Structure formats: structure tokens, C-alpha cells
Amino acid sequence: MVRQGLTIVVRTPRRQDWASIVKFLQIDAGRFDGVALIAGEQPIVLAAVNAYRRQGKGVICIVSDLPSSARQSFIGIDNQAAGKTAARLLSEFARNGSIGLLTGSLQQRDHQERLLGFRSSLETLAPAMRIAGIKEALDQEDVCYQFTKNLIAEHSDLSGIYHFGADMNGIVRAIQEPGYH
């Protein structure tokens, strides 16, 4: 019986460092049969994925899809439905007022789709609610904190914040500060 091995290597590039993903696919990934990746739908990334696939290698996108590439498949949720679900939940708790939106990266399809789903459903479910601001926070705690502080200070009718990114600490810190209730 032949036993095949599995080697897993995790690389975590800086946020939106598409060049490092391309470099990995062009140089380092050649020693593997395939890769699973999370990347933005940037032309240089798409070209690198397509070139890697032409070498007979596998590419699976996780969390954020690259459907215009030659990737084999996508593993993740329906992000547009997730945005619609968030709008439904917010509309159940508050039918009017303003909402702040914090995204991770709008260069990633998953965040674009969540925003699209949220906006389309909010208009139907709670037409009196309005989006007070959208901030691409890139999962940076200080950006989330400052945006939340500004929303609280500038919008007395603030009803909620929809955050579709990875870091909640800045939002929580801003809400927990004295003077917010």
C-alpha cells in the first residue's frame, strides 16, 4: 500500500500585499500540488493563479472567491446572503436611524458581496434607515475605534454598526468608553 504524505504550509502576507501572493505562486508554490488561498480579485493575482493552474497545479479559493480565474473551486459561504441576513437582523432591532458599515477590504470579493447584499436588503426591509458612513478598516483596530467614535459623536440616531471584517476590538473599546449609552 502506497501512503501519500501531506504537507501544509501557512503563509500570512500583510493585508492586501498582492505582490507577495503572486511571488509565492510564481516561486515557492511550485513545490506543492496545490494551494488554498484568500486573495483580492486583482489582475496580477488572477494572472498568477491562471499561470499556476496551467502548470497542472490546483487552486482552491477560501472565504473570498476569484471566479474570473482558473481556480478549481471555492469553499466559503454565500457572502451576499450573509449581508442580507445582517440587514434583516439590524432591521429587526431598529427600523430607523443611521447605520455605520466597517469592512475589512473592499478589494476582496467577499466584502463586496456582503456590502451589496446588505444595501439591497436594508432598502427593502427598513427604508427609513440610512447608512451614515462606510469605512474600509482593513482589520485595523485603531481605524475601527476612530470610525466608531466618530459615528457616535456625529450621529445621535446611530442604531447599529455592521462590521464585516476580522477585528472587533476597536468597536467594542469605543462603545465601552464613558459617555456612550
N, C-alpha and C. Protein backbone atom coordinates (compact mmCIF):
# COMPACT_ATOMS: atom_id res chain seq x y z
N MET A 1 0.85 -1.18 0.00
CA MET A 1 0.00 0.00 0.00
C MET A 1 0.90 1.24 0.00
N VAL A 2 0.65 2.11 -0.91
CA VAL A 2 1.40 3.35 -1.00
C VAL A 2 0.72 4.40 -0.14
N ARG A 3 1.53 5.04 0.67
CA ARG A 3 0.99 6.08 1.55
C ARG A 3 1.50 7.44 1.07
N GLN A 4 0.58 8.34 0.84
CA GLN A 4 0.96 9.66 0.39
C GLN A 4 1.00 10.61 1.57
N GLY A 5 1.97 11.51 1.55
CA GLY A 5 2.10 12.48 2.63
C GLY A 5 1.38 13.77 2.30
N LEU A 6 1.16 14.54 3.32
CA LEU A 6 0.52 15.83 3.17
C LEU A 6 1.37 16.85 3.89
N THR A 7 1.73 17.88 3.19
CA THR A 7 2.49 18.97 3.79
C THR A 7 1.64 20.23 3.73
N ILE A 8 1.47 20.86 4.86
CA ILE A 8 0.70 22.10 4.92
C ILE A 8 1.65 23.22 5.33
N VAL A 9 1.68 24.25 4.52
CA VAL A 9 2.49 25.43 4.81
C VAL A 9 1.54 26.62 4.84
N VAL A 10 1.58 27.39 5.90
CA VAL A 10 0.72 28.56 6.02
C VAL A 10 1.58 29.81 5.84
N ARG A 11 1.18 30.65 4.92
CA ARG A 11 1.83 31.93 4.69
C ARG A 11 0.79 33.01 4.94
N THR A 12 1.15 34.00 5.70
CA THR A 12 0.23 35.09 6.00
C THR A 12 0.87 36.41 5.57
N PRO A 13 0.58 36.84 4.35
CA PRO A 13 1.15 38.11 3.91
C PRO A 13 0.45 39.29 4.59
N ARG A 14 1.08 40.44 4.51
CA ARG A 14 0.42 41.65 5.02
C ARG A 14 -0.86 41.87 4.25
N ARG A 15 -1.79 42.55 4.86
CA ARG A 15 -3.08 42.83 4.22
C ARG A 15 -2.86 43.48 2.86
N GLN A 16 -3.56 42.98 1.89
CA GLN A 16 -3.56 43.48 0.52
C GLN A 16 -2.18 43.54 -0.11
N ASP A 17 -1.29 42.68 0.32
CA ASP A 17 0.03 42.59 -0.29
C ASP A 17 -0.06 41.56 -1.43
N TRP A 18 -0.71 42.00 -2.50
CA TRP A 18 -0.97 41.09 -3.62
C TRP A 18 0.34 40.62 -4.25
N ALA A 19 1.35 41.46 -4.23
CA ALA A 19 2.64 41.08 -4.83
C ALA A 19 3.25 39.87 -4.13
N SER A 20 3.09 39.78 -2.81
CA SER A 20 3.66 38.63 -2.12
C SER A 20 2.89 37.34 -2.43
N ILE A 21 1.60 37.45 -2.68
CA ILE A 21 0.82 36.28 -3.08
C ILE A 21 1.27 35.83 -4.47
N VAL A 22 1.46 36.79 -5.35
CA VAL A 22 1.93 36.48 -6.71
C VAL A 22 3.31 35.83 -6.64
N LYS A 23 4.20 36.41 -5.86
CA LYS A 23 5.55 35.86 -5.72
C LYS A 23 5.50 34.43 -5.19
N PHE A 24 4.65 34.18 -4.20
CA PHE A 24 4.51 32.84 -3.66
C PHE A 24 4.07 31.87 -4.75
N LEU A 25 3.05 32.25 -5.52
CA LEU A 25 2.56 31.37 -6.58
C LEU A 25 3.61 31.14 -7.66
N GLN A 26 4.39 32.15 -7.97
CA GLN A 26 5.39 32.04 -9.04
C GLN A 26 6.65 31.29 -8.61
N ILE A 27 7.03 31.42 -7.35
CA ILE A 27 8.32 30.87 -6.91
C ILE A 27 8.16 29.69 -5.96
N ASP A 28 7.54 29.90 -4.83
CA ASP A 28 7.50 28.89 -3.78
C ASP A 28 6.45 27.80 -3.98
N ALA A 29 5.30 28.15 -4.54
CA ALA A 29 4.19 27.19 -4.63
C ALA A 29 4.45 26.07 -5.62
N GLY A 30 5.45 26.22 -6.48
CA GLY A 30 5.75 25.19 -7.46
C GLY A 30 6.10 23.84 -6.86
N ARG A 31 6.55 23.82 -5.62
CA ARG A 31 6.91 22.54 -4.99
C ARG A 31 5.70 21.82 -4.39
N PHE A 32 4.52 22.45 -4.50
CA PHE A 32 3.29 21.84 -3.98
C PHE A 32 2.37 21.45 -5.13
N ASP A 33 1.48 20.51 -4.84
CA ASP A 33 0.50 20.10 -5.85
C ASP A 33 -0.63 21.11 -5.99
N GLY A 34 -0.84 21.91 -4.96
CA GLY A 34 -1.91 22.88 -5.00
C GLY A 34 -1.85 23.82 -3.81
N VAL A 35 -2.66 24.86 -3.89
CA VAL A 35 -2.73 25.84 -2.81
C VAL A 35 -4.19 26.19 -2.54
N ALA A 36 -4.44 26.60 -1.32
CA ALA A 36 -5.71 27.21 -0.93
C ALA A 36 -5.37 28.64 -0.54
N LEU A 37 -6.13 29.59 -1.06
CA LEU A 37 -5.76 30.96 -0.76
C LEU A 37 -6.96 31.88 -0.57
N ILE A 38 -6.68 32.97 0.12
CA ILE A 38 -7.61 34.09 0.26
C ILE A 38 -6.91 35.27 -0.38
N ALA A 39 -7.51 35.83 -1.41
CA ALA A 39 -6.86 36.94 -2.11
C ALA A 39 -7.90 37.85 -2.73
N GLY A 40 -7.48 39.07 -2.99
CA GLY A 40 -8.32 40.03 -3.69
C GLY A 40 -8.32 39.74 -5.18
N GLU A 41 -9.39 40.16 -5.82
CA GLU A 41 -9.54 39.90 -7.25
C GLU A 41 -8.81 40.97 -8.04
N GLN A 42 -7.49 40.92 -7.96
CA GLN A 42 -6.62 41.88 -8.63
C GLN A 42 -6.05 41.24 -9.90
N PRO A 43 -5.85 42.01 -10.95
CA PRO A 43 -5.33 41.43 -12.20
C PRO A 43 -4.03 40.64 -12.02
N ILE A 44 -3.11 41.11 -11.19
CA ILE A 44 -1.85 40.38 -11.02
C ILE A 44 -2.07 39.06 -10.30
N VAL A 45 -3.03 39.02 -9.39
CA VAL A 45 -3.35 37.77 -8.68
C VAL A 45 -4.02 36.80 -9.64
N LEU A 46 -4.98 37.28 -10.41
CA LEU A 46 -5.67 36.42 -11.37
C LEU A 46 -4.69 35.81 -12.37
N ALA A 47 -3.77 36.62 -12.86
CA ALA A 47 -2.77 36.12 -13.82
C ALA A 47 -1.89 35.06 -13.17
N ALA A 48 -1.49 35.27 -11.93
CA ALA A 48 -0.64 34.30 -11.24
C ALA A 48 -1.39 32.99 -10.97
N VAL A 49 -2.65 33.09 -10.57
CA VAL A 49 -3.46 31.89 -10.35
C VAL A 49 -3.60 31.12 -11.67
N ASN A 50 -3.90 31.82 -12.74
CA ASN A 50 -4.06 31.16 -14.05
C ASN A 50 -2.76 30.49 -14.50
N ALA A 51 -1.64 31.16 -14.30
CA ALA A 51 -0.34 30.59 -14.68
C ALA A 51 -0.04 29.34 -13.84
N TYR A 52 -0.34 29.39 -12.58
CA TYR A 52 -0.12 28.25 -11.68
C TYR A 52 -0.98 27.06 -12.11
N ARG A 53 -2.23 27.34 -12.49
CA ARG A 53 -3.12 26.27 -12.95
C ARG A 53 -2.62 25.66 -14.27
N ARG A 54 -2.05 26.49 -15.15
CA ARG A 54 -1.53 25.97 -16.42
C ARG A 54 -0.38 25.00 -16.19
N GLN A 55 0.25 25.06 -15.04
CA GLN A 55 1.32 24.11 -14.69
C GLN A 55 0.74 22.79 -14.18
N GLY A 56 -0.58 22.69 -14.15
CA GLY A 56 -1.23 21.48 -13.67
C GLY A 56 -1.43 21.45 -12.17
N LYS A 57 -1.28 22.57 -11.53
CA LYS A 57 -1.42 22.68 -10.08
C LYS A 57 -2.84 23.06 -9.71
N GLY A 58 -3.23 22.74 -8.48
CA GLY A 58 -4.57 23.03 -8.02
C GLY A 58 -4.65 24.33 -7.23
N VAL A 59 -5.78 25.03 -7.39
CA VAL A 59 -6.04 26.25 -6.61
C VAL A 59 -7.47 26.20 -6.12
N ILE A 60 -7.59 26.33 -4.81
CA ILE A 60 -8.90 26.42 -4.18
C ILE A 60 -8.96 27.75 -3.44
N CYS A 61 -9.99 28.52 -3.71
CA CYS A 61 -10.18 29.80 -3.01
C CYS A 61 -11.04 29.54 -1.78
N ILE A 62 -10.62 30.12 -0.65
CA ILE A 62 -11.41 30.00 0.57
C ILE A 62 -11.80 31.40 1.03
N VAL A 63 -12.95 31.51 1.61
CA VAL A 63 -13.52 32.74 2.15
C VAL A 63 -13.91 33.73 1.05
N SER A 64 -12.97 34.11 0.20
CA SER A 64 -13.22 35.08 -0.86
C SER A 64 -12.89 34.43 -2.21
N ASP A 65 -13.84 34.46 -3.12
CA ASP A 65 -13.70 33.75 -4.39
C ASP A 65 -12.98 34.59 -5.45
N LEU A 66 -12.42 33.90 -6.41
CA LEU A 66 -11.84 34.51 -7.60
C LEU A 66 -12.48 33.84 -8.82
N PRO A 67 -13.77 34.06 -9.04
CA PRO A 67 -14.48 33.31 -10.08
C PRO A 67 -14.00 33.59 -11.50
N SER A 68 -13.35 34.72 -11.73
CA SER A 68 -12.87 35.00 -13.09
C SER A 68 -11.48 34.42 -13.34
N SER A 69 -10.99 33.65 -12.37
CA SER A 69 -9.70 32.97 -12.54
C SER A 69 -9.96 31.52 -12.94
N ALA A 70 -8.87 30.78 -13.13
CA ALA A 70 -8.96 29.36 -13.47
C ALA A 70 -9.00 28.48 -12.22
N ARG A 71 -9.23 29.08 -11.05
CA ARG A 71 -9.26 28.30 -9.81
C ARG A 71 -10.21 27.12 -9.96
N GLN A 72 -9.95 26.05 -9.17
CA GLN A 72 -10.78 24.85 -9.29
C GLN A 72 -12.12 25.00 -8.60
N SER A 73 -12.09 25.55 -7.38
CA SER A 73 -13.34 25.67 -6.65
C SER A 73 -13.23 26.74 -5.57
N PHE A 74 -14.36 27.01 -4.97
CA PHE A 74 -14.47 27.98 -3.90
C PHE A 74 -15.11 27.31 -2.70
N ILE A 75 -14.50 27.50 -1.55
CA ILE A 75 -15.07 26.98 -0.30
C ILE A 75 -15.36 28.19 0.58
N GLY A 76 -16.61 28.40 0.87
CA GLY A 76 -16.99 29.53 1.70
C GLY A 76 -18.49 29.71 1.68
N ILE A 77 -18.92 30.72 2.38
CA ILE A 77 -20.35 30.98 2.49
C ILE A 77 -20.83 31.84 1.33
N ASP A 78 -22.12 31.96 1.21
CA ASP A 78 -22.73 32.88 0.25
C ASP A 78 -22.69 34.25 0.91
N ASN A 79 -21.72 35.06 0.53
CA ASN A 79 -21.49 36.34 1.20
C ASN A 79 -22.60 37.35 0.94
N GLN A 80 -23.24 37.29 -0.21
CA GLN A 80 -24.36 38.19 -0.46
C GLN A 80 -25.51 37.85 0.49
N ALA A 81 -25.74 36.58 0.71
CA ALA A 81 -26.78 36.16 1.67
C ALA A 81 -26.41 36.58 3.08
N ALA A 82 -25.12 36.53 3.42
CA ALA A 82 -24.69 36.98 4.75
C ALA A 82 -24.98 38.46 4.95
N GLY A 83 -24.74 39.28 3.92
CA GLY A 83 -25.07 40.70 4.00
C GLY A 83 -26.56 40.92 4.16
N LYS A 84 -27.35 40.14 3.44
CA LYS A 84 -28.81 40.25 3.55
C LYS A 84 -29.28 39.85 4.95
N THR A 85 -28.65 38.84 5.51
CA THR A 85 -29.00 38.40 6.87
C THR A 85 -28.67 39.49 7.88
N ALA A 86 -27.53 40.14 7.72
CA ALA A 86 -27.16 41.23 8.63
C ALA A 86 -28.17 42.36 8.54
N ALA A 87 -28.62 42.69 7.34
CA ALA A 87 -29.63 43.75 7.17
C ALA A 87 -30.93 43.34 7.85
N ARG A 88 -31.27 42.09 7.71
CA ARG A 88 -32.51 41.59 8.34
C ARG A 88 -32.42 41.71 9.86
N LEU A 89 -31.29 41.30 10.42
CA LEU A 89 -31.12 41.39 11.88
C LEU A 89 -31.16 42.84 12.36
N LEU A 90 -30.44 43.72 11.69
CA LEU A 90 -30.46 45.13 12.09
C LEU A 90 -31.84 45.73 11.95
N SER A 91 -32.56 45.39 10.90
CA SER A 91 -33.89 45.93 10.71
C SER A 91 -34.88 45.41 11.76
N GLU A 92 -34.62 44.25 12.32
CA GLU A 92 -35.48 43.71 13.38
C GLU A 92 -35.29 44.48 14.68
N PHE A 93 -34.06 44.95 14.92
CA PHE A 93 -33.77 45.67 16.16
C PHE A 93 -34.08 47.16 16.06
N ALA A 94 -33.97 47.73 14.88
CA ALA A 94 -34.20 49.16 14.71
C ALA A 94 -34.73 49.40 13.30
N ARG A 95 -35.84 50.07 13.19
CA ARG A 95 -36.44 50.33 11.88
C ARG A 95 -36.04 51.68 11.29
N ASN A 96 -35.39 52.52 12.10
CA ASN A 96 -34.94 53.81 11.58
C ASN A 96 -33.62 54.18 12.23
N GLY A 97 -33.13 55.34 11.87
CA GLY A 97 -31.84 55.76 12.40
C GLY A 97 -30.74 55.52 11.38
N SER A 98 -29.53 55.66 11.84
CA SER A 98 -28.39 55.50 10.93
C SER A 98 -27.56 54.28 11.32
N ILE A 99 -26.85 53.77 10.33
CA ILE A 99 -26.02 52.58 10.48
C ILE A 99 -24.62 52.92 9.97
N GLY A 100 -23.62 52.44 10.66
CA GLY A 100 -22.25 52.55 10.18
C GLY A 100 -21.79 51.21 9.64
N LEU A 101 -21.02 51.24 8.58
CA LEU A 101 -20.51 50.00 7.99
C LEU A 101 -18.98 50.01 8.03
N LEU A 102 -18.43 48.97 8.59
CA LEU A 102 -16.98 48.77 8.63
C LEU A 102 -16.65 47.50 7.85
N THR A 103 -15.79 47.63 6.86
CA THR A 103 -15.41 46.48 6.06
C THR A 103 -13.95 46.13 6.34
N GLY A 104 -13.58 44.93 5.97
CA GLY A 104 -12.17 44.56 6.01
C GLY A 104 -11.50 45.18 4.80
N SER A 105 -11.71 44.60 3.63
CA SER A 105 -11.11 45.11 2.40
C SER A 105 -12.10 45.02 1.26
N LEU A 106 -12.42 46.14 0.67
CA LEU A 106 -13.33 46.13 -0.48
C LEU A 106 -12.65 45.66 -1.75
N GLN A 107 -11.39 45.29 -1.66
CA GLN A 107 -10.71 44.67 -2.80
C GLN A 107 -10.93 43.16 -2.80
N GLN A 108 -11.59 42.66 -1.79
CA GLN A 108 -11.90 41.23 -1.74
C GLN A 108 -13.38 41.04 -2.06
N ARG A 109 -13.64 40.07 -2.89
CA ARG A 109 -15.00 39.81 -3.36
C ARG A 109 -15.97 39.53 -2.21
N ASP A 110 -15.53 38.83 -1.18
CA ASP A 110 -16.46 38.50 -0.10
C ASP A 110 -17.00 39.77 0.56
N HIS A 111 -16.18 40.78 0.72
CA HIS A 111 -16.63 42.02 1.35
C HIS A 111 -17.52 42.83 0.39
N GLN A 112 -17.19 42.81 -0.89
CA GLN A 112 -18.03 43.48 -1.88
C GLN A 112 -19.43 42.86 -1.90
N GLU A 113 -19.48 41.53 -1.86
CA GLU A 113 -20.76 40.84 -1.92
C GLU A 113 -21.58 41.06 -0.65
N ARG A 114 -20.91 41.09 0.51
CA ARG A 114 -21.65 41.37 1.74
C ARG A 114 -22.26 42.77 1.71
N LEU A 115 -21.49 43.74 1.24
CA LEU A 115 -21.98 45.11 1.14
C LEU A 115 -23.18 45.19 0.19
N LEU A 116 -23.08 44.55 -0.95
CA LEU A 116 -24.17 44.53 -1.92
C LEU A 116 -25.43 43.91 -1.31
N GLY A 117 -25.28 42.77 -0.67
CA GLY A 117 -26.42 42.10 -0.05
C GLY A 117 -27.04 42.94 1.05
N PHE A 118 -26.21 43.56 1.87
CA PHE A 118 -26.69 44.39 2.97
C PHE A 118 -27.48 45.58 2.43
N ARG A 119 -26.89 46.31 1.51
CA ARG A 119 -27.55 47.50 0.97
C ARG A 119 -28.88 47.17 0.31
N SER A 120 -28.90 46.13 -0.50
CA SER A 120 -30.13 45.80 -1.23
C SER A 120 -31.25 45.39 -0.27
N SER A 121 -30.93 44.68 0.77
CA SER A 121 -31.96 44.24 1.71
C SER A 121 -32.38 45.35 2.66
N LEU A 122 -31.45 46.16 3.09
CA LEU A 122 -31.80 47.24 4.02
C LEU A 122 -32.80 48.20 3.38
N GLU A 123 -32.62 48.51 2.13
CA GLU A 123 -33.54 49.41 1.42
C GLU A 123 -34.96 48.86 1.42
N THR A 124 -35.11 47.55 1.34
CA THR A 124 -36.42 46.92 1.32
C THR A 124 -36.99 46.75 2.73
N LEU A 125 -36.16 46.27 3.65
CA LEU A 125 -36.62 45.94 5.00
C LEU A 125 -36.82 47.15 5.90
N ALA A 126 -35.98 48.15 5.75
CA ALA A 126 -36.05 49.31 6.63
C ALA A 126 -35.71 50.57 5.83
N PRO A 127 -36.64 51.01 4.98
CA PRO A 127 -36.34 52.15 4.11
C PRO A 127 -36.05 53.45 4.88
N ALA A 128 -36.46 53.53 6.14
CA ALA A 128 -36.19 54.74 6.93
C ALA A 128 -34.77 54.76 7.49
N MET A 129 -34.09 53.65 7.45
CA MET A 129 -32.71 53.62 7.94
C MET A 129 -31.78 54.14 6.85
N ARG A 130 -30.68 54.76 7.28
CA ARG A 130 -29.74 55.26 6.31
C ARG A 130 -28.32 54.86 6.73
N ILE A 131 -27.47 54.71 5.75
CA ILE A 131 -26.07 54.38 6.02
C ILE A 131 -25.33 55.69 6.26
N ALA A 132 -24.81 55.85 7.47
CA ALA A 132 -24.15 57.09 7.88
C ALA A 132 -22.72 57.17 7.37
N GLY A 133 -22.12 56.03 7.13
CA GLY A 133 -20.75 56.03 6.67
C GLY A 133 -20.25 54.62 6.44
N ILE A 134 -19.32 54.51 5.52
CA ILE A 134 -18.67 53.23 5.22
C ILE A 134 -17.17 53.47 5.34
N LYS A 135 -16.52 52.57 6.06
CA LYS A 135 -15.07 52.70 6.23
C LYS A 135 -14.40 51.37 5.94
N GLU A 136 -13.42 51.39 5.07
CA GLU A 136 -12.61 50.21 4.80
C GLU A 136 -11.50 50.20 5.86
N ALA A 137 -11.68 49.38 6.90
CA ALA A 137 -10.80 49.40 8.06
C ALA A 137 -9.59 48.49 7.93
N LEU A 138 -9.63 47.57 6.96
CA LEU A 138 -8.52 46.64 6.75
C LEU A 138 -8.15 45.89 8.03
N ASP A 139 -9.16 45.65 8.86
CA ASP A 139 -9.00 44.89 10.11
C ASP A 139 -8.00 45.54 11.06
N GLN A 140 -7.91 46.84 11.03
CA GLN A 140 -7.01 47.57 11.93
C GLN A 140 -7.82 48.12 13.10
N GLU A 141 -7.44 47.71 14.29
CA GLU A 141 -8.18 48.08 15.49
C GLU A 141 -8.34 49.59 15.65
N ASP A 142 -7.28 50.35 15.44
CA ASP A 142 -7.35 51.79 15.62
C ASP A 142 -8.29 52.46 14.62
N VAL A 143 -8.35 51.96 13.41
CA VAL A 143 -9.25 52.51 12.39
C VAL A 143 -10.70 52.23 12.80
N CYS A 144 -10.96 51.02 13.25
CA CYS A 144 -12.31 50.66 13.72
C CYS A 144 -12.72 51.53 14.91
N TYR A 145 -11.80 51.72 15.81
CA TYR A 145 -12.05 52.54 17.00
C TYR A 145 -12.40 53.97 16.61
N GLN A 146 -11.58 54.59 15.79
CA GLN A 146 -11.79 56.00 15.44
C GLN A 146 -13.07 56.18 14.64
N PHE A 147 -13.35 55.29 13.72
CA PHE A 147 -14.57 55.38 12.92
C PHE A 147 -15.80 55.27 13.82
N THR A 148 -15.75 54.33 14.76
CA THR A 148 -16.88 54.15 15.69
C THR A 148 -17.05 55.38 16.57
N LYS A 149 -15.96 55.91 17.09
CA LYS A 149 -16.02 57.13 17.91
C LYS A 149 -16.65 58.27 17.11
N ASN A 150 -16.24 58.43 15.87
CA ASN A 150 -16.80 59.49 15.03
C ASN A 150 -18.28 59.29 14.77
N LEU A 151 -18.68 58.06 14.51
CA LEU A 151 -20.11 57.77 14.30
C LEU A 151 -20.92 58.14 15.53
N ILE A 152 -20.43 57.75 16.70
CA ILE A 152 -21.14 58.04 17.95
C ILE A 152 -21.26 59.54 18.16
N ALA A 153 -20.19 60.25 17.89
CA ALA A 153 -20.18 61.71 18.12
C ALA A 153 -21.06 62.46 17.11
N GLU A 154 -21.09 61.99 15.86
CA GLU A 154 -21.75 62.74 14.80
C GLU A 154 -23.18 62.31 14.51
N HIS A 155 -23.60 61.15 15.01
CA HIS A 155 -24.93 60.64 14.66
C HIS A 155 -25.68 60.22 15.92
N SER A 156 -26.50 61.13 16.44
CA SER A 156 -27.25 60.82 17.66
C SER A 156 -28.29 59.74 17.42
N ASP A 157 -28.63 59.49 16.16
CA ASP A 157 -29.61 58.45 15.83
C ASP A 157 -28.96 57.12 15.45
N LEU A 158 -27.69 56.96 15.80
CA LEU A 158 -26.97 55.73 15.43
C LEU A 158 -27.69 54.51 16.01
N SER A 159 -28.07 53.60 15.12
CA SER A 159 -28.82 52.41 15.52
C SER A 159 -27.96 51.15 15.54
N GLY A 160 -26.87 51.17 14.80
CA GLY A 160 -26.05 49.97 14.75
C GLY A 160 -24.83 50.14 13.86
N ILE A 161 -23.95 49.16 13.97
CA ILE A 161 -22.76 49.09 13.13
C ILE A 161 -22.69 47.68 12.58
N TYR A 162 -22.60 47.59 11.27
CA TYR A 162 -22.39 46.29 10.64
C TYR A 162 -20.92 46.22 10.27
N HIS A 163 -20.24 45.29 10.91
CA HIS A 163 -18.81 45.12 10.69
C HIS A 163 -18.58 43.78 10.04
N PHE A 164 -18.02 43.80 8.85
CA PHE A 164 -17.69 42.54 8.19
C PHE A 164 -16.21 42.52 7.91
N GLY A 165 -15.50 42.33 8.98
CA GLY A 165 -14.05 42.22 8.96
C GLY A 165 -13.65 41.31 10.10
N ALA A 166 -12.38 41.33 10.44
CA ALA A 166 -11.88 40.37 11.42
C ALA A 166 -11.68 40.94 12.82
N ASP A 167 -11.55 42.24 12.98
CA ASP A 167 -11.20 42.78 14.29
C ASP A 167 -12.33 43.61 14.87
N MET A 168 -12.86 43.17 16.00
CA MET A 168 -13.96 43.87 16.67
C MET A 168 -13.49 44.72 17.84
N ASN A 169 -12.23 44.57 18.25
CA ASN A 169 -11.76 45.23 19.47
C ASN A 169 -11.91 46.74 19.45
N GLY A 170 -11.64 47.38 18.34
CA GLY A 170 -11.77 48.83 18.26
C GLY A 170 -13.19 49.30 18.45
N ILE A 171 -14.13 48.57 17.87
CA ILE A 171 -15.55 48.92 18.01
C ILE A 171 -15.98 48.76 19.46
N VAL A 172 -15.64 47.65 20.05
CA VAL A 172 -16.01 47.38 21.44
C VAL A 172 -15.41 48.43 22.37
N ARG A 173 -14.17 48.76 22.17
CA ARG A 173 -13.50 49.76 23.00
C ARG A 173 -14.20 51.12 22.91
N ALA A 174 -14.58 51.53 21.69
CA ALA A 174 -15.27 52.82 21.51
C ALA A 174 -16.63 52.83 22.20
N ILE A 175 -17.34 51.73 22.10
CA ILE A 175 -18.68 51.65 22.70
C ILE A 175 -18.60 51.59 24.22
N GLN A 176 -17.57 50.98 24.76
CA GLN A 176 -17.43 50.84 26.20
C GLN A 176 -16.91 52.09 26.91
N GLU A 177 -16.43 53.05 26.15
CA GLU A 177 -15.89 54.27 26.79
C GLU A 177 -17.00 55.04 27.49
N PRO A 178 -16.62 55.72 28.57
CA PRO A 178 -17.62 56.53 29.28
C PRO A 178 -18.25 57.57 28.36
N GLY A 179 -19.52 57.83 28.57
CA GLY A 179 -20.21 58.83 27.79
C GLY A 179 -21.07 58.23 26.68
N TYR A 180 -20.91 56.93 26.37
CA TYR A 180 -21.74 56.32 25.34
C TYR A 180 -22.79 55.45 26.01
N HIS A 181 -24.02 55.76 25.76
CA HIS A 181 -25.13 54.92 26.25
C HIS A 181 -26.34 55.14 25.43
